[in-house]
Protein backbone atom coordinates (compact mmCIF):
# COMPACT_ATOMS: atom_id res chain seq x y z
CA MET A 1 -42.07 5.69 -22.31
CA LEU A 2 -40.60 7.99 -25.03
CA ASP A 3 -40.73 7.64 -28.85
CA CYS A 4 -37.28 7.67 -30.21
CA CYS A 5 -38.66 9.05 -33.30
CA THR A 6 -40.40 12.18 -32.06
CA LYS A 7 -38.79 12.63 -28.50
CA LYS A 8 -42.59 12.19 -27.68
CA ALA A 9 -43.52 11.28 -23.85
CA VAL A 10 -46.05 8.67 -25.09
CA GLY A 11 -46.89 6.59 -22.14
CA TYR A 12 -46.38 7.11 -18.44
CA ALA A 13 -48.02 6.06 -15.23
CA VAL A 14 -47.30 7.42 -11.52
CA ALA A 15 -47.53 5.41 -8.38
CA ASP A 16 -46.04 4.93 -5.02
CA HIS A 17 -44.35 1.31 -6.22
CA MET A 18 -42.46 0.24 -8.86
CA ARG A 19 -44.11 -3.09 -9.57
CA THR A 20 -44.83 -4.45 -13.01
CA GLU A 21 -48.49 -3.35 -13.23
CA LEU A 22 -47.22 0.39 -13.04
CA ILE A 23 -45.12 -0.37 -16.35
CA CYS A 24 -47.88 -2.57 -17.66
CA GLU A 25 -50.10 0.77 -17.51
CA ALA A 26 -47.58 2.96 -19.19
CA LEU A 27 -47.14 0.44 -21.94
CA ASP A 28 -50.95 0.27 -22.49
CA MET A 29 -51.24 4.18 -22.57
CA ALA A 30 -48.18 4.32 -25.01
CA VAL A 31 -50.12 1.76 -27.36
CA ARG A 32 -53.18 4.03 -27.23
CA ASN A 33 -51.61 7.15 -28.18
CA CYS A 34 -48.81 5.67 -30.44
CA PRO A 35 -49.97 2.34 -31.90
CA PRO A 36 -46.94 -0.28 -32.57
CA VAL A 37 -46.33 -1.97 -35.91
CA ARG A 38 -46.61 -5.57 -35.31
CA GLY A 39 -42.70 -7.09 -35.38
CA ALA A 40 -41.05 -3.69 -36.11
CA THR A 41 -41.94 -1.72 -32.99
CA ILE A 42 -39.06 -2.06 -30.18
CA PHE A 43 -39.30 -1.57 -26.67
CA HIS A 44 -35.89 -0.82 -24.95
CA SER A 45 -35.28 -0.98 -21.08
CA ASP A 46 -32.81 -1.67 -18.80
CA ARG A 47 -32.66 -4.94 -16.79
CA GLY A 48 -34.95 -3.96 -14.11
CA SER A 49 -37.17 -6.88 -12.40
CA GLN A 50 -40.46 -5.40 -13.77
CA TYR A 51 -39.27 -5.28 -17.38
CA MET A 52 -38.07 -8.66 -17.11
CA SER A 53 -41.30 -10.17 -15.63
CA ARG A 54 -43.34 -12.52 -17.41
CA GLU A 55 -46.30 -10.40 -17.17
CA PHE A 56 -44.64 -7.55 -19.18
CA SER A 57 -43.04 -9.63 -21.73
CA ASP A 58 -46.51 -11.43 -22.38
CA LEU A 59 -48.18 -7.76 -22.63
CA LEU A 60 -45.28 -6.81 -25.17
CA GLU A 61 -45.98 -9.80 -27.23
CA SER A 62 -49.79 -9.37 -27.17
CA TYR A 63 -49.06 -6.05 -28.83
CA GLY A 64 -46.37 -7.69 -31.17
CA VAL A 65 -43.50 -5.32 -29.74
CA LEU A 66 -40.01 -6.79 -29.70
CA ALA A 67 -38.19 -6.54 -26.46
CA SER A 68 -34.82 -4.78 -26.37
CA VAL A 69 -32.59 -4.98 -22.99
CA GLY A 70 -29.46 -3.40 -22.44
CA ARG A 71 -26.65 -5.37 -21.19
CA THR A 72 -25.67 -5.59 -17.59
CA GLY A 73 -23.74 -2.63 -16.32
CA VAL A 74 -24.00 -0.52 -19.56
CA CYS A 75 -26.10 2.71 -18.58
CA TRP A 76 -25.59 4.60 -22.04
CA ASP A 77 -28.29 3.28 -23.96
CA ASN A 78 -31.03 4.33 -21.09
CA ALA A 79 -29.34 7.55 -20.93
CA TRP A 80 -32.15 9.29 -22.97
CA ALA A 81 -34.90 7.83 -20.42
CA GLU A 82 -32.91 9.11 -17.32
CA SER A 83 -32.56 12.56 -18.96
CA PHE A 84 -36.14 13.08 -19.46
CA ASN A 85 -36.67 12.08 -15.84
CA ALA A 86 -34.16 14.72 -14.57
CA THR A 87 -35.52 17.33 -17.00
CA LEU A 88 -38.87 16.67 -15.38
CA LYS A 89 -37.56 17.02 -11.95
CA ASN A 90 -35.20 19.93 -12.69
CA GLU A 91 -37.93 21.86 -14.76
CA ARG A 92 -40.90 21.36 -12.48
CA VAL A 93 -41.01 18.97 -9.69
CA HIS A 94 -38.17 20.58 -7.72
CA ARG A 95 -39.54 24.03 -8.13
CA VAL A 96 -42.90 23.47 -6.45
CA ILE A 97 -43.85 22.61 -3.09
CA TYR A 98 -46.88 20.11 -3.39
CA ARG A 99 -49.68 19.91 -0.91
CA THR A 100 -50.82 16.46 -2.05
CA HIS A 101 -49.71 13.42 -4.04
CA ASP A 102 -52.48 13.83 -6.23
CA GLU A 103 -51.58 17.42 -6.84
CA ALA A 104 -47.82 16.21 -7.80
CA ILE A 105 -49.17 13.76 -10.25
CA ARG A 106 -51.78 16.26 -12.12
CA ASP A 107 -48.64 18.67 -12.34
CA ALA A 108 -46.24 16.28 -13.58
CA VAL A 109 -48.88 15.22 -16.18
CA SER A 110 -49.54 18.71 -16.72
CA TRP A 111 -45.85 19.49 -17.77
CA ILE A 112 -45.41 16.31 -19.97
CA GLU A 113 -48.62 16.94 -21.78
CA LEU A 114 -48.65 20.79 -22.16
CA ARG A 115 -44.95 21.86 -21.92
CA TYR A 116 -42.48 18.89 -22.83
CA ASN A 117 -44.79 17.37 -25.58
CA GLN A 118 -46.38 20.73 -26.88
CA LYS A 119 -43.79 23.45 -26.17
CA ARG A 120 -40.26 22.30 -25.56
CA LEU A 121 -38.03 22.54 -28.25
CA HIS A 122 -35.35 19.60 -28.79
CA SER A 123 -32.19 20.76 -30.83
CA SER A 124 -32.18 16.86 -32.31
CA LEU A 125 -35.29 17.81 -34.05
CA GLY A 126 -34.20 21.12 -35.40
CA TYR A 127 -35.53 23.16 -32.72
CA ARG A 128 -38.73 21.84 -33.07
CA THR A 129 -41.47 20.41 -30.35
CA PRO A 130 -42.23 16.43 -30.48
CA ASN A 131 -45.94 17.15 -31.24
CA GLU A 132 -44.50 19.20 -34.30
CA VAL A 133 -42.44 16.19 -35.40
CA GLU A 134 -45.26 13.79 -34.95
CA ALA A 135 -47.78 15.78 -36.89
CA GLU A 136 -45.28 15.99 -39.59
CA TYR A 137 -44.44 12.50 -39.63
CA ARG A 138 -48.27 11.71 -39.86
CA GLU A 139 -48.88 14.10 -42.63
CA SER A 140 -46.07 12.59 -44.56
CA ARG A 141 -47.59 8.98 -43.86
CA MET A 142 -51.04 10.11 -45.05
CA ALA A 143 -49.56 11.33 -48.12
CA ALA A 144 -47.55 8.26 -49.23
């Protein structure tokens, strides 16, 4: 799960399935890392069955997060999330041979936390990292 303001990966989960509990786990992590503003934070997704499930809707509601869903057949509004997945695969996963599933998970998490969020510069953020933008945002909120 990506924060549109900072471009930071704030929630993720890895499994060998695409069931609803996987995205619920990622949402729980996102909420811990980036607490939502009740009634103002928006979660946008495609129309995958996991995102449309009652279980996920109830979890969003419990956190006060509003759901936003793209129209059927329109892929552009989810392009950034797909681009993140492609970047992870191209910059890391496809360049390494993993001996175990656990090794692959540890490496992907390491890339997200230590490379993508910490060091990867984004032109749309003025060539700053997601963590730099987040720190600047938090600092400005505390000063206000």
